[in-house]
Structures are given as C-alpha cells and as structure tokens.
N, C-alpha and C. Protein backbone atom coordinates (compact mmCIF):
# COMPACT_ATOMS: atom_id res chain seq x y z
N MET A 1 0.82 -1.24 -0.04
CA MET A 1 0.04 -0.01 -0.05
C MET A 1 0.79 1.18 -0.13
N ASN A 2 1.92 1.28 0.77
CA ASN A 2 2.78 2.46 0.93
C ASN A 2 3.68 2.76 -0.50
N GLU A 3 3.89 1.50 -1.32
CA GLU A 3 4.48 1.79 -2.36
C GLU A 3 3.53 2.35 -3.49
N LYS A 4 2.22 1.88 -3.37
CA LYS A 4 1.30 2.14 -4.32
C LYS A 4 1.20 3.73 -3.96
N ASN A 5 1.04 4.04 -2.61
CA ASN A 5 0.90 5.48 -2.42
C ASN A 5 1.75 6.46 -2.89
N THR A 6 2.89 6.10 -2.99
CA THR A 6 3.92 6.79 -3.53
C THR A 6 3.75 7.52 -4.97
N PHE A 7 3.17 6.54 -5.67
CA PHE A 7 2.94 6.51 -7.09
C PHE A 7 1.81 7.65 -7.40
N TYR A 8 0.70 7.75 -6.41
CA TYR A 8 -0.28 8.52 -6.42
C TYR A 8 -0.15 9.78 -5.31
N ARG A 9 0.86 10.12 -4.98
CA ARG A 9 1.06 11.23 -3.93
C ARG A 9 0.58 12.50 -4.66
N LYS A 10 0.67 12.82 -6.01
CA LYS A 10 0.43 14.03 -6.58
C LYS A 10 -1.21 14.19 -6.79
N PRO A 11 -1.85 15.32 -6.59
CA PRO A 11 -3.38 15.14 -6.83
C PRO A 11 -3.76 15.09 -8.28
N ASP A 12 -2.84 15.39 -9.18
CA ASP A 12 -3.11 15.71 -10.54
C ASP A 12 -2.67 14.36 -11.35
N CYS A 13 -2.61 13.05 -10.87
CA CYS A 13 -2.37 11.81 -11.39
C CYS A 13 -3.20 11.60 -12.60
N ALA A 14 -2.84 10.84 -13.55
CA ALA A 14 -3.62 10.52 -14.66
C ALA A 14 -4.51 9.42 -14.66
N GLY A 15 -4.47 8.49 -13.50
CA GLY A 15 -5.34 7.45 -13.52
C GLY A 15 -4.50 6.16 -13.34
N THR A 16 -5.27 5.04 -13.35
CA THR A 16 -4.77 3.81 -13.25
C THR A 16 -3.83 3.17 -14.24
N GLN A 17 -4.05 3.69 -15.43
CA GLN A 17 -3.07 3.16 -16.40
C GLN A 17 -1.66 3.87 -16.20
N ARG A 18 -1.44 4.84 -16.02
CA ARG A 18 -0.20 5.45 -15.72
C ARG A 18 0.35 4.90 -14.42
N GLY A 19 -0.50 4.77 -13.45
CA GLY A 19 -0.09 4.09 -12.23
C GLY A 19 0.48 2.63 -12.50
N ARG A 20 -0.11 1.83 -13.24
CA ARG A 20 0.27 0.49 -13.53
C ARG A 20 1.61 0.60 -14.35
N ARG A 21 1.70 1.53 -15.14
CA ARG A 21 3.01 1.58 -15.86
C ARG A 21 4.16 1.85 -14.88
N HIS A 22 3.93 2.87 -14.07
CA HIS A 22 4.98 3.12 -12.92
C HIS A 22 5.26 1.81 -12.23
N LEU A 23 4.29 1.01 -11.71
CA LEU A 23 4.60 -0.04 -10.98
C LEU A 23 5.29 -1.17 -11.67
N ARG A 24 4.90 -1.24 -13.03
CA ARG A 24 5.71 -2.31 -13.92
C ARG A 24 7.13 -1.88 -13.88
N ARG A 25 7.57 -0.57 -14.08
CA ARG A 25 8.99 -0.05 -14.21
C ARG A 25 9.49 -0.28 -12.82
N ALA A 26 8.76 -0.34 -11.73
CA ALA A 26 9.23 -0.67 -10.54
C ALA A 26 9.38 -2.13 -10.24
N GLY A 27 9.11 -2.88 -10.94
CA GLY A 27 9.27 -4.40 -10.85
C GLY A 27 8.20 -4.94 -10.17
N LYS A 28 6.90 -4.34 -10.28
CA LYS A 28 5.82 -5.03 -9.34
C LYS A 28 4.64 -5.16 -10.39
N PRO A 29 4.53 -6.29 -11.03
CA PRO A 29 3.60 -6.32 -12.12
C PRO A 29 2.32 -6.60 -11.64
N TRP A 30 1.59 -5.84 -11.02
CA TRP A 30 0.33 -5.88 -10.78
C TRP A 30 -0.56 -5.79 -11.81
N ASN A 31 -1.74 -6.71 -11.99
CA ASN A 31 -2.52 -6.50 -13.06
C ASN A 31 -3.65 -5.34 -12.83
N HIS A 32 -4.44 -5.22 -13.96
CA HIS A 32 -5.09 -4.01 -13.89
C HIS A 32 -6.19 -3.94 -12.81
N LYS A 33 -6.70 -5.10 -12.50
CA LYS A 33 -7.86 -5.41 -11.44
C LYS A 33 -7.15 -4.93 -10.06
N LYS A 34 -6.08 -5.40 -9.78
CA LYS A 34 -5.41 -5.08 -8.47
C LYS A 34 -5.23 -3.51 -8.36
N VAL A 35 -4.73 -3.01 -9.38
CA VAL A 35 -4.19 -1.54 -9.40
C VAL A 35 -5.66 -0.78 -9.12
N TYR A 36 -6.61 -1.16 -9.92
CA TYR A 36 -7.81 -0.40 -9.61
C TYR A 36 -8.54 -0.64 -8.05
N ARG A 37 -8.30 -1.72 -7.85
CA ARG A 37 -8.72 -1.90 -6.33
C ARG A 37 -8.04 -0.95 -5.28
N VAL A 38 -6.75 -0.88 -5.43
CA VAL A 38 -6.01 0.06 -4.47
C VAL A 38 -6.30 1.35 -4.87
N TYR A 39 -6.41 1.67 -6.14
CA TYR A 39 -6.79 3.05 -6.68
C TYR A 39 -8.14 3.50 -5.93
N LYS A 40 -9.14 2.67 -5.76
CA LYS A 40 -10.21 3.04 -5.20
C LYS A 40 -10.20 3.12 -3.57
N LEU A 41 -9.39 2.14 -2.96
CA LEU A 41 -9.13 2.18 -1.54
C LEU A 41 -8.41 3.41 -1.19
N LEU A 42 -7.63 4.00 -1.86
CA LEU A 42 -6.94 5.18 -1.63
C LEU A 42 -7.73 6.61 -2.11
N ASN A 43 -8.88 6.24 -2.44
CA ASN A 43 -9.83 7.16 -2.61
C ASN A 43 -9.16 8.31 -3.85
N MET A 44 -8.71 7.61 -4.92
CA MET A 44 -8.15 8.41 -5.97
C MET A 44 -9.33 8.59 -6.89
N ASN A 45 -10.44 7.86 -7.09
CA ASN A 45 -11.32 7.68 -8.26
C ASN A 45 -12.31 8.94 -7.94
N LYS A 46 -11.80 10.08 -8.11
CA LYS A 46 -12.80 11.33 -8.06
C LYS A 46 -12.87 11.94 -9.36
N LYS A 47 -14.16 12.45 -9.51
CA LYS A 47 -14.42 13.02 -10.72
C LYS A 47 -13.56 14.37 -10.82
N ARG A 48 -13.17 14.77 -12.25
CA ARG A 48 -12.44 15.63 -12.57
C ARG A 48 -13.47 17.08 -12.53
N ARG A 49 -13.01 18.18 -11.97
CA ARG A 49 -14.02 19.28 -12.14
C ARG A 49 -13.95 19.72 -13.64
N GLY A 50 -15.10 20.13 -13.97
CA GLY A 50 -15.21 20.55 -15.49
C GLY A 50 -14.87 21.95 -15.49
N LYS A 51 -14.43 22.48 -16.59
CA LYS A 51 -14.16 23.63 -16.96
C LYS A 51 -15.33 24.61 -16.97
N ARG A 52 -15.38 25.71 -16.28
CA ARG A 52 -16.66 26.61 -16.04
C ARG A 52 -16.86 27.16 -17.38
N ARG A 53 -17.92 26.82 -18.11
CA ARG A 53 -18.33 27.37 -19.35
C ARG A 53 -19.20 28.86 -19.24
N LEU A 54 -18.72 29.67 -20.15
CA LEU A 54 -19.20 31.10 -20.22
C LEU A 54 -20.06 31.08 -21.34
N PRO A 55 -21.20 31.76 -21.12
CA PRO A 55 -21.97 31.92 -22.29
C PRO A 55 -21.41 32.91 -23.42
N ALA A 56 -21.88 32.65 -24.55
CA ALA A 56 -21.36 33.43 -25.60
C ALA A 56 -21.33 35.03 -25.41
N ARG A 57 -20.18 35.54 -25.91
CA ARG A 57 -20.28 37.08 -25.55
C ARG A 57 -20.30 37.81 -26.91
N GLU A 58 -20.89 38.57 -27.15
CA GLU A 58 -20.94 39.18 -28.52
C GLU A 58 -20.09 40.44 -28.42
N LYS A 59 -19.32 40.78 -29.36
CA LYS A 59 -18.51 41.90 -29.53
C LYS A 59 -19.31 43.18 -29.47
N GLN A 60 -18.94 44.11 -28.71
CA GLN A 60 -19.48 45.48 -28.65
C GLN A 60 -18.68 46.44 -28.87
N PRO A 61 -19.09 47.53 -29.72
CA PRO A 61 -18.16 48.47 -30.04
C PRO A 61 -17.79 49.48 -28.79
N LEU A 62 -16.64 49.99 -28.95
CA LEU A 62 -16.03 50.68 -27.84
C LEU A 62 -16.47 52.23 -28.45
N GLU A 63 -17.56 52.51 -28.01
CA GLU A 63 -18.35 53.88 -28.34
C GLU A 63 -17.94 55.03 -27.29
N GLN A 64 -17.84 56.10 -27.68
CA GLN A 64 -17.69 57.38 -26.95
C GLN A 64 -19.14 57.78 -26.43
N GLN A 65 -19.06 57.64 -24.98
CA GLN A 65 -20.34 58.19 -24.34
C GLN A 65 -20.49 59.70 -24.51
N VAL A 66 -21.81 60.00 -24.55
CA VAL A 66 -22.11 61.58 -24.59
C VAL A 66 -22.39 62.33 -23.36
N SER A 67 -22.55 61.39 -22.06
CA SER A 67 -22.74 62.12 -20.87
C SER A 67 -22.28 61.09 -19.80
N ILE A 68 -21.97 61.71 -18.53
CA ILE A 68 -21.32 60.65 -17.60
C ILE A 68 -22.52 59.88 -17.16
N ASN A 69 -22.04 58.83 -16.58
CA ASN A 69 -22.81 57.81 -15.86
C ASN A 69 -23.64 57.14 -16.84
N GLN A 70 -23.34 57.18 -18.15
CA GLN A 70 -23.79 56.21 -19.12
C GLN A 70 -23.21 54.75 -19.07
N LYS A 71 -21.91 54.69 -18.97
CA LYS A 71 -21.11 53.45 -18.84
C LYS A 71 -19.92 53.70 -18.10
N TRP A 72 -19.77 52.87 -17.27
CA TRP A 72 -18.43 52.77 -16.46
C TRP A 72 -17.75 51.44 -16.91
N SER A 73 -16.31 51.54 -16.93
CA SER A 73 -15.46 50.52 -17.22
C SER A 73 -14.74 50.01 -16.08
N MET A 74 -14.57 48.63 -15.65
CA MET A 74 -14.06 48.24 -14.58
C MET A 74 -13.01 47.15 -14.81
N ASP A 75 -12.00 47.01 -14.01
CA ASP A 75 -10.79 46.03 -14.28
C ASP A 75 -10.13 45.92 -12.98
N PHE A 76 -9.48 44.63 -13.04
CA PHE A 76 -8.49 44.25 -11.91
C PHE A 76 -7.11 44.49 -12.33
N MET A 77 -6.27 44.71 -11.56
CA MET A 77 -4.77 44.67 -11.62
C MET A 77 -4.06 44.05 -10.55
N SER A 78 -2.95 43.42 -10.71
CA SER A 78 -2.18 42.84 -9.55
C SER A 78 -0.79 43.41 -9.45
N ASP A 79 -0.25 43.41 -8.24
CA ASP A 79 1.14 43.86 -8.27
C ASP A 79 1.52 43.18 -6.79
N SER A 80 2.99 43.29 -6.61
CA SER A 80 3.48 42.57 -5.17
C SER A 80 4.21 43.94 -4.43
N LEU A 81 4.38 43.74 -3.13
CA LEU A 81 5.08 44.53 -2.31
C LEU A 81 6.51 43.98 -2.28
N ALA A 82 7.32 44.84 -1.47
CA ALA A 82 8.73 44.32 -1.30
C ALA A 82 8.91 43.06 -0.67
N SER A 83 8.04 42.82 0.08
CA SER A 83 8.27 41.42 0.86
C SER A 83 7.82 40.36 -0.22
N GLY A 84 7.18 40.50 -1.26
CA GLY A 84 6.85 39.56 -2.34
C GLY A 84 5.42 39.24 -2.28
N ASN A 85 4.61 39.82 -1.17
CA ASN A 85 3.03 39.54 -1.02
C ASN A 85 2.53 40.29 -2.17
N ARG A 86 1.53 39.55 -2.62
CA ARG A 86 0.71 40.03 -3.86
C ARG A 86 -0.39 40.92 -3.26
N PHE A 87 -0.81 41.94 -4.09
CA PHE A 87 -2.14 42.70 -3.67
C PHE A 87 -2.79 42.86 -5.19
N ARG A 88 -4.16 43.38 -4.92
CA ARG A 88 -4.79 43.67 -6.01
C ARG A 88 -5.37 45.17 -6.03
N THR A 89 -5.75 45.72 -7.28
CA THR A 89 -6.44 47.01 -7.23
C THR A 89 -7.61 46.83 -8.20
N PHE A 90 -8.60 47.21 -7.72
CA PHE A 90 -10.08 47.35 -8.50
C PHE A 90 -10.29 48.71 -9.03
N ASN A 91 -10.12 48.90 -10.27
CA ASN A 91 -10.15 50.24 -10.92
C ASN A 91 -11.48 50.46 -11.60
N VAL A 92 -12.15 51.68 -11.44
CA VAL A 92 -13.47 52.01 -12.15
C VAL A 92 -13.26 53.30 -12.70
N MET A 93 -13.86 53.32 -13.90
CA MET A 93 -13.67 54.81 -14.93
C MET A 93 -14.92 55.11 -15.40
N ASP A 94 -15.25 56.31 -15.46
CA ASP A 94 -16.23 56.72 -16.42
C ASP A 94 -15.92 56.87 -17.84
N ASP A 95 -16.64 56.13 -18.82
CA ASP A 95 -16.06 56.13 -20.04
C ASP A 95 -16.25 57.47 -20.75
N CYS A 96 -17.26 58.36 -20.29
CA CYS A 96 -17.51 59.61 -20.98
C CYS A 96 -16.30 60.54 -20.58
N SER A 97 -16.16 60.84 -19.47
CA SER A 97 -15.18 61.86 -18.92
C SER A 97 -13.73 61.40 -18.61
N ARG A 98 -13.62 59.83 -18.68
CA ARG A 98 -12.28 59.32 -18.44
C ARG A 98 -11.90 59.46 -16.99
N GLU A 99 -12.70 60.05 -16.03
CA GLU A 99 -12.56 60.08 -14.82
C GLU A 99 -12.37 58.76 -13.95
N ILE A 100 -11.42 58.69 -13.20
CA ILE A 100 -11.08 57.57 -12.27
C ILE A 100 -11.97 57.68 -11.22
N LEU A 101 -12.99 57.02 -10.96
CA LEU A 101 -13.99 56.95 -9.96
C LEU A 101 -13.47 56.14 -8.61
N CYS A 102 -12.56 55.24 -8.74
CA CYS A 102 -12.32 54.42 -7.71
C CYS A 102 -11.05 53.58 -8.08
N ILE A 103 -10.10 53.69 -6.93
CA ILE A 103 -9.04 52.57 -7.26
C ILE A 103 -8.91 51.72 -5.65
N GLU A 104 -9.54 50.78 -5.53
CA GLU A 104 -9.88 49.79 -4.46
C GLU A 104 -8.37 49.02 -4.24
N ILE A 105 -7.76 49.01 -3.22
CA ILE A 105 -6.43 48.23 -2.92
C ILE A 105 -6.61 47.44 -1.81
N ALA A 106 -6.33 46.14 -1.93
CA ALA A 106 -6.49 45.09 -1.06
C ALA A 106 -5.65 43.72 -1.37
N THR A 107 -5.45 42.99 -0.46
CA THR A 107 -4.62 41.63 -0.89
C THR A 107 -5.66 40.91 -1.57
N SER A 108 -7.07 40.87 -1.07
CA SER A 108 -8.02 40.01 -1.85
C SER A 108 -9.28 41.01 -2.04
N ILE A 109 -9.87 41.06 -3.17
CA ILE A 109 -10.95 41.56 -3.48
C ILE A 109 -12.08 40.81 -4.09
N SER A 110 -13.24 40.42 -3.31
CA SER A 110 -14.18 39.53 -3.61
C SER A 110 -15.21 40.59 -4.26
N SER A 111 -16.37 39.45 -4.92
CA SER A 111 -17.55 40.32 -5.58
C SER A 111 -18.25 41.17 -4.47
N LEU A 112 -18.14 40.85 -3.15
CA LEU A 112 -18.95 41.64 -2.23
C LEU A 112 -18.02 42.90 -2.03
N ARG A 113 -16.87 42.90 -1.97
CA ARG A 113 -16.19 44.11 -1.68
C ARG A 113 -16.38 44.99 -3.06
N VAL A 114 -16.55 44.32 -4.45
CA VAL A 114 -16.67 45.15 -5.43
C VAL A 114 -17.94 45.92 -5.37
N THR A 115 -19.07 45.35 -5.00
CA THR A 115 -20.38 45.90 -4.98
C THR A 115 -20.39 47.06 -3.77
N ARG A 116 -19.65 46.78 -2.75
CA ARG A 116 -19.57 47.83 -1.74
C ARG A 116 -18.97 48.97 -2.21
N ALA A 117 -17.74 48.83 -3.08
CA ALA A 117 -17.16 49.94 -3.72
C ALA A 117 -17.88 50.72 -4.67
N LEU A 118 -18.79 50.20 -5.45
CA LEU A 118 -19.63 50.62 -6.36
C LEU A 118 -20.81 51.42 -5.51
N GLU A 119 -21.25 50.89 -4.47
CA GLU A 119 -22.26 51.58 -3.68
C GLU A 119 -21.67 52.85 -3.12
N GLN A 120 -20.42 52.87 -2.79
CA GLN A 120 -19.73 54.13 -2.29
C GLN A 120 -19.63 55.35 -3.28
N ILE A 121 -19.52 54.63 -4.62
CA ILE A 121 -19.17 55.64 -5.74
C ILE A 121 -20.57 56.20 -6.11
N ILE A 122 -21.75 55.32 -5.98
CA ILE A 122 -23.13 55.63 -6.45
C ILE A 122 -23.57 56.64 -5.48
N ASP A 123 -23.15 56.59 -4.13
CA ASP A 123 -23.43 57.55 -3.05
C ASP A 123 -23.25 59.21 -3.45
N TRP A 124 -22.03 59.14 -4.04
CA TRP A 124 -21.55 60.62 -4.55
C TRP A 124 -21.77 61.03 -6.14
N ARG A 125 -21.79 59.96 -6.81
CA ARG A 125 -21.54 60.13 -8.27
C ARG A 125 -22.99 59.94 -8.93
N GLY A 126 -23.69 59.13 -8.51
CA GLY A 126 -25.09 58.63 -9.08
C GLY A 126 -24.71 57.26 -9.71
N LYS A 127 -25.87 56.60 -10.18
CA LYS A 127 -25.91 55.32 -10.69
C LYS A 127 -25.47 55.27 -12.25
N PRO A 128 -24.56 54.37 -12.67
CA PRO A 128 -24.35 54.19 -14.32
C PRO A 128 -25.58 53.47 -14.81
N LEU A 129 -25.60 53.49 -16.10
CA LEU A 129 -26.63 52.66 -16.70
C LEU A 129 -26.23 51.23 -17.12
N CYS A 130 -24.77 51.24 -17.18
CA CYS A 130 -24.13 49.88 -17.75
C CYS A 130 -22.77 49.77 -17.14
N LEU A 131 -22.33 48.70 -16.83
CA LEU A 131 -20.75 48.43 -16.59
C LEU A 131 -20.15 47.54 -17.46
N ARG A 132 -19.12 47.90 -17.92
CA ARG A 132 -18.33 47.13 -18.85
C ARG A 132 -17.24 46.31 -18.20
N VAL A 133 -17.35 45.07 -18.31
CA VAL A 133 -16.26 44.34 -17.43
C VAL A 133 -15.81 42.92 -18.42
N ASP A 134 -14.73 42.54 -17.73
CA ASP A 134 -14.24 41.20 -18.38
C ASP A 134 -15.06 40.03 -17.84
N ASN A 135 -14.59 38.82 -18.01
CA ASN A 135 -15.30 37.57 -17.62
C ASN A 135 -14.71 36.96 -16.26
N GLY A 136 -14.04 37.81 -15.43
CA GLY A 136 -13.42 37.41 -14.22
C GLY A 136 -14.25 36.82 -13.23
N PRO A 137 -14.02 35.98 -12.15
CA PRO A 137 -15.07 35.47 -11.41
C PRO A 137 -15.72 36.39 -10.48
N GLU A 138 -15.11 37.49 -10.09
CA GLU A 138 -15.93 38.61 -9.34
C GLU A 138 -17.18 39.31 -10.25
N PHE A 139 -16.95 39.24 -11.47
CA PHE A 139 -17.81 39.80 -12.31
C PHE A 139 -19.09 38.83 -12.94
N THR A 140 -18.60 37.78 -12.77
CA THR A 140 -19.56 36.64 -13.26
C THR A 140 -20.48 35.89 -12.25
N SER A 141 -19.90 36.44 -10.98
CA SER A 141 -20.53 35.63 -9.83
C SER A 141 -22.04 35.85 -9.54
N HIS A 142 -22.67 35.18 -9.12
CA HIS A 142 -24.12 35.21 -8.87
C HIS A 142 -24.47 36.50 -8.12
N ARG A 143 -23.56 36.71 -7.07
CA ARG A 143 -23.75 37.84 -6.11
C ARG A 143 -23.73 39.27 -6.75
N PHE A 144 -22.71 39.45 -7.77
CA PHE A 144 -22.57 40.58 -8.55
C PHE A 144 -23.59 40.77 -9.45
N GLU A 145 -23.96 39.77 -10.18
CA GLU A 145 -25.19 39.84 -11.14
C GLU A 145 -26.44 40.19 -10.56
N LEU A 146 -26.64 39.51 -9.32
CA LEU A 146 -27.95 39.93 -8.43
C LEU A 146 -27.93 41.37 -8.21
N TRP A 147 -26.84 41.73 -7.61
CA TRP A 147 -26.71 43.24 -7.26
C TRP A 147 -27.02 44.16 -8.21
N CYS A 148 -26.38 43.99 -9.47
CA CYS A 148 -26.67 44.84 -10.66
C CYS A 148 -28.11 44.71 -11.01
N LYS A 149 -28.75 43.52 -11.03
CA LYS A 149 -30.12 43.52 -11.28
C LYS A 149 -31.06 44.18 -10.32
N ASP A 150 -30.68 44.23 -9.06
CA ASP A 150 -31.53 44.89 -8.06
C ASP A 150 -31.31 46.55 -8.36
N GLN A 151 -30.26 46.78 -8.80
CA GLN A 151 -29.87 48.11 -8.94
C GLN A 151 -30.29 48.76 -10.29
N GLY A 152 -30.77 47.85 -11.11
CA GLY A 152 -31.03 48.23 -12.51
C GLY A 152 -30.03 48.59 -13.29
N ILE A 153 -28.80 48.03 -13.05
CA ILE A 153 -27.64 48.32 -13.98
C ILE A 153 -27.30 47.18 -14.81
N ALA A 154 -27.19 47.46 -16.15
CA ALA A 154 -26.90 46.46 -17.08
C ALA A 154 -25.33 45.99 -17.06
N ILE A 155 -25.06 44.84 -17.47
CA ILE A 155 -23.55 44.33 -17.42
C ILE A 155 -23.31 44.07 -19.07
N GLN A 156 -22.14 44.65 -19.37
CA GLN A 156 -21.57 44.43 -20.72
C GLN A 156 -20.30 43.57 -20.52
N PHE A 157 -20.50 42.12 -20.88
CA PHE A 157 -19.15 41.55 -20.82
C PHE A 157 -18.59 41.50 -22.21
N ILE A 158 -17.10 41.71 -22.05
CA ILE A 158 -16.35 41.67 -23.37
C ILE A 158 -16.02 40.07 -23.51
N GLN A 159 -15.66 40.00 -24.68
CA GLN A 159 -15.37 38.60 -25.14
C GLN A 159 -14.07 38.13 -24.51
N PRO A 160 -14.00 36.77 -23.98
CA PRO A 160 -12.87 36.30 -23.41
C PRO A 160 -11.65 36.43 -24.24
N GLY A 161 -10.59 36.81 -23.41
CA GLY A 161 -9.15 37.15 -24.41
C GLY A 161 -9.15 38.34 -25.13
N LYS A 162 -10.15 39.08 -25.14
CA LYS A 162 -10.08 40.48 -25.93
C LYS A 162 -10.10 41.54 -25.01
N PRO A 163 -8.97 41.86 -24.44
CA PRO A 163 -8.94 43.02 -23.40
C PRO A 163 -9.04 44.35 -23.99
N MET A 164 -8.84 44.50 -25.32
CA MET A 164 -8.93 45.84 -25.79
C MET A 164 -10.41 46.09 -26.02
N GLN A 165 -11.32 45.19 -25.92
CA GLN A 165 -12.88 45.61 -26.06
C GLN A 165 -12.94 46.41 -24.61
N ASN A 166 -12.35 46.51 -23.97
CA ASN A 166 -12.52 47.33 -22.76
C ASN A 166 -11.11 48.25 -22.61
N GLY A 167 -10.96 48.93 -23.79
CA GLY A 167 -9.80 49.71 -24.08
C GLY A 167 -9.75 50.88 -23.20
N TYR A 168 -10.55 51.64 -22.70
CA TYR A 168 -10.51 52.72 -21.97
C TYR A 168 -9.99 52.45 -20.69
N ILE A 169 -10.29 51.36 -19.95
CA ILE A 169 -9.71 51.10 -18.68
C ILE A 169 -8.24 50.34 -18.85
N GLU A 170 -8.25 49.76 -19.94
CA GLU A 170 -6.91 49.10 -20.13
C GLU A 170 -5.69 50.11 -20.40
N ARG A 171 -6.17 51.14 -21.12
CA ARG A 171 -5.17 52.28 -21.30
C ARG A 171 -4.74 52.99 -19.97
N PHE A 172 -5.96 53.19 -19.17
CA PHE A 172 -5.66 53.77 -17.75
C PHE A 172 -4.81 52.86 -17.06
N ASN A 173 -4.80 51.38 -17.15
CA ASN A 173 -4.09 50.47 -16.38
C ASN A 173 -2.48 50.65 -16.65
N ARG A 174 -2.31 50.90 -18.01
CA ARG A 174 -0.99 50.98 -18.31
C ARG A 174 -0.35 52.24 -17.72
N SER A 175 -1.00 53.46 -17.77
CA SER A 175 -0.47 54.57 -17.11
C SER A 175 -0.23 54.45 -15.53
N TYR A 176 -1.28 53.64 -14.93
CA TYR A 176 -1.25 53.62 -13.53
C TYR A 176 -0.06 52.69 -13.22
N HIS A 177 0.09 51.65 -14.00
CA HIS A 177 1.21 50.70 -13.73
C HIS A 177 2.65 51.40 -13.82
N LYS A 178 2.70 52.16 -14.87
CA LYS A 178 3.94 52.82 -15.26
C LYS A 178 4.39 54.03 -14.17
N GLU A 179 3.46 54.66 -13.91
CA GLU A 179 3.67 56.05 -13.02
C GLU A 179 3.56 55.52 -11.57
N ILE A 180 2.78 54.66 -11.16
CA ILE A 180 2.74 54.26 -9.89
C ILE A 180 3.46 53.02 -9.22
N LEU A 181 2.65 51.86 -9.79
CA LEU A 181 3.13 50.54 -9.29
C LEU A 181 4.69 50.18 -9.73
N ASP A 182 5.06 50.59 -10.98
CA ASP A 182 6.48 50.20 -11.49
C ASP A 182 7.33 51.32 -11.04
N ALA A 183 6.88 52.51 -10.59
CA ALA A 183 7.75 53.69 -10.21
C ALA A 183 8.30 53.72 -8.76
N TYR A 184 7.68 52.87 -7.80
CA TYR A 184 8.00 52.90 -6.41
C TYR A 184 8.11 51.51 -5.72
N LEU A 185 8.78 51.34 -4.72
CA LEU A 185 8.74 50.15 -4.13
C LEU A 185 8.06 50.33 -2.95
N PHE A 186 7.03 49.55 -2.68
CA PHE A 186 6.17 49.66 -1.64
C PHE A 186 6.39 48.54 -0.61
N PHE A 187 6.28 48.87 0.65
CA PHE A 187 6.52 47.92 1.92
C PHE A 187 4.97 47.61 2.66
N ASN A 188 4.03 48.27 2.26
CA ASN A 188 2.94 47.79 2.85
C ASN A 188 1.70 48.62 1.88
N LEU A 189 0.58 48.30 2.09
CA LEU A 189 -0.65 48.68 1.50
C LEU A 189 -1.16 50.18 1.65
N PHE A 190 -0.60 50.72 2.94
CA PHE A 190 -0.89 52.03 3.21
C PHE A 190 -0.13 52.93 2.30
N GLU A 191 1.21 52.51 1.89
CA GLU A 191 1.87 53.25 0.93
C GLU A 191 1.42 53.13 -0.41
N VAL A 192 0.93 52.08 -0.74
CA VAL A 192 0.12 52.00 -2.13
C VAL A 192 -0.84 52.92 -2.28
N ARG A 193 -1.70 52.74 -1.08
CA ARG A 193 -3.00 53.84 -1.11
C ARG A 193 -2.76 55.27 -1.24
N GLU A 194 -1.56 55.49 -0.33
CA GLU A 194 -1.09 57.00 -0.39
C GLU A 194 -0.79 57.42 -1.43
N HIS A 195 0.25 56.71 -2.11
CA HIS A 195 0.71 57.41 -3.44
C HIS A 195 -0.38 57.28 -4.49
N THR A 196 -1.20 56.18 -4.49
CA THR A 196 -2.16 56.29 -5.32
C THR A 196 -3.18 57.47 -5.41
N GLN A 197 -3.57 57.87 -4.08
CA GLN A 197 -4.54 59.02 -3.85
C GLN A 197 -3.77 60.21 -4.26
N ALA A 198 -2.54 60.30 -3.90
CA ALA A 198 -1.88 61.74 -4.45
C ALA A 198 -1.90 61.74 -5.79
N TRP A 199 -1.65 60.69 -6.64
CA TRP A 199 -1.52 60.69 -8.02
C TRP A 199 -2.96 60.84 -8.68
N MET A 200 -3.75 60.33 -8.04
CA MET A 200 -5.43 60.68 -8.64
C MET A 200 -5.80 62.23 -8.38
N MET A 201 -5.22 62.75 -7.31
CA MET A 201 -5.58 64.12 -7.11
C MET A 201 -4.93 64.83 -8.09
N ASN A 202 -3.75 64.63 -8.30
CA ASN A 202 -2.88 65.23 -9.50
C ASN A 202 -3.59 65.24 -10.83
N ILE A 203 -4.25 63.94 -11.19
CA ILE A 203 -4.89 64.00 -12.45
C ILE A 203 -6.25 64.78 -12.38
N ILE A 204 -6.85 64.99 -11.31
CA ILE A 204 -8.00 65.55 -11.08
C ILE A 204 -7.70 67.19 -11.43
N CYS A 205 -6.79 67.64 -10.60
CA CYS A 205 -6.17 69.10 -10.82
C CYS A 205 -5.68 69.36 -12.21
C-alpha cells in the first residue's frame, strides 16, 4: 500500500493506467484489477472538475459616451510589495469623462467588496446605466449579477481574451502601472494607497 501511495502522491495523477506503468517499471507487475482496487481504496477515483463554461459574448463597439454615468469600465490589476506579498487593485472609470472613480487596493477583493465599492461611488456620483467588465469570477458571480439586477444596472461583458474591448480602462491601467506601481517600491498597502490617492488628485487637478 505504501509503495502504491508513492505513485499517487500528486493530486493531478492521470489514473490507473499511468500508475500501472509506474509499478511495472518498479518491478511490481500488478494486473489492472489489483491496481484499480488499490486506486479505489486510496480514494483516488474522483471526478475531475469540469471547466466553467461561459455564455457566448458578443463583440460590442467601444463607443464614445455623450454624458457621464452612461457607462463605467471596470478591471482588476495585481502587483506585489517588497516582501513579495501580492495585492490587487479594483479600478473604475467613467467612459465619458475618463474620470477615475475608484481604485480599491487590498490583498483580496471579492465580489462583495466590489459591490460595496460601487455603492460608495453611487452615493456621491450617481448610478451608471451600464458596467463594462471582463469575465473574471468577481464579475460573473451570482452575487454581482444579482446586485446589478437589483440596482437596474446592465452588465456588458467583453469577449474572453479580448482585453482591448475594454480599451478605456486598459489604457488607464498602463498609465497607473507605469507611473505608480512600477515607479515605487512599496512595503505595505498604506504606502500603495497613499501614493495612489496623491496621483489621482494630481490627475483631477
């Protein structure tokens, strides 16, 4: 049993056929029935998780909006502190004015935190008619879609692997990365937020 366990110590093993080949090379000619019995005893016969299927996304033109709050673009970025710890930013932009409405910074940003950040923006800015997003798990989650439905806000998903369909926020991401995230060495999230806030104020001025 211990010998068999060493062949299946990795969670991504390919099954009984590969295990049987390993055992044969190790000089243990077990037949396929014995291999399968041990395979089941070790609880290795688990179903593989299927890949999450997304509904078909239609290509939408990147139109210039004629007034604020018609459409907001949103996206995530990631970087690391000097310690190597990763953090994320959640960026929100108005497509008409190109104004940056929010840069939320944290080690983890869930769909709940996304909706809370949007509620804070809505309190002082007003509600958008539509949100343009990619197909990340925070935006395709049931919680986010239900929140948008309750708020009467449409969601416009870009096509997978087509980031330039969200070109306004992508262009901002490049500027933010170059001028802030790549320009400084950060030791904690407070420093990231402080430099980000000062940079956003300079943009507004």
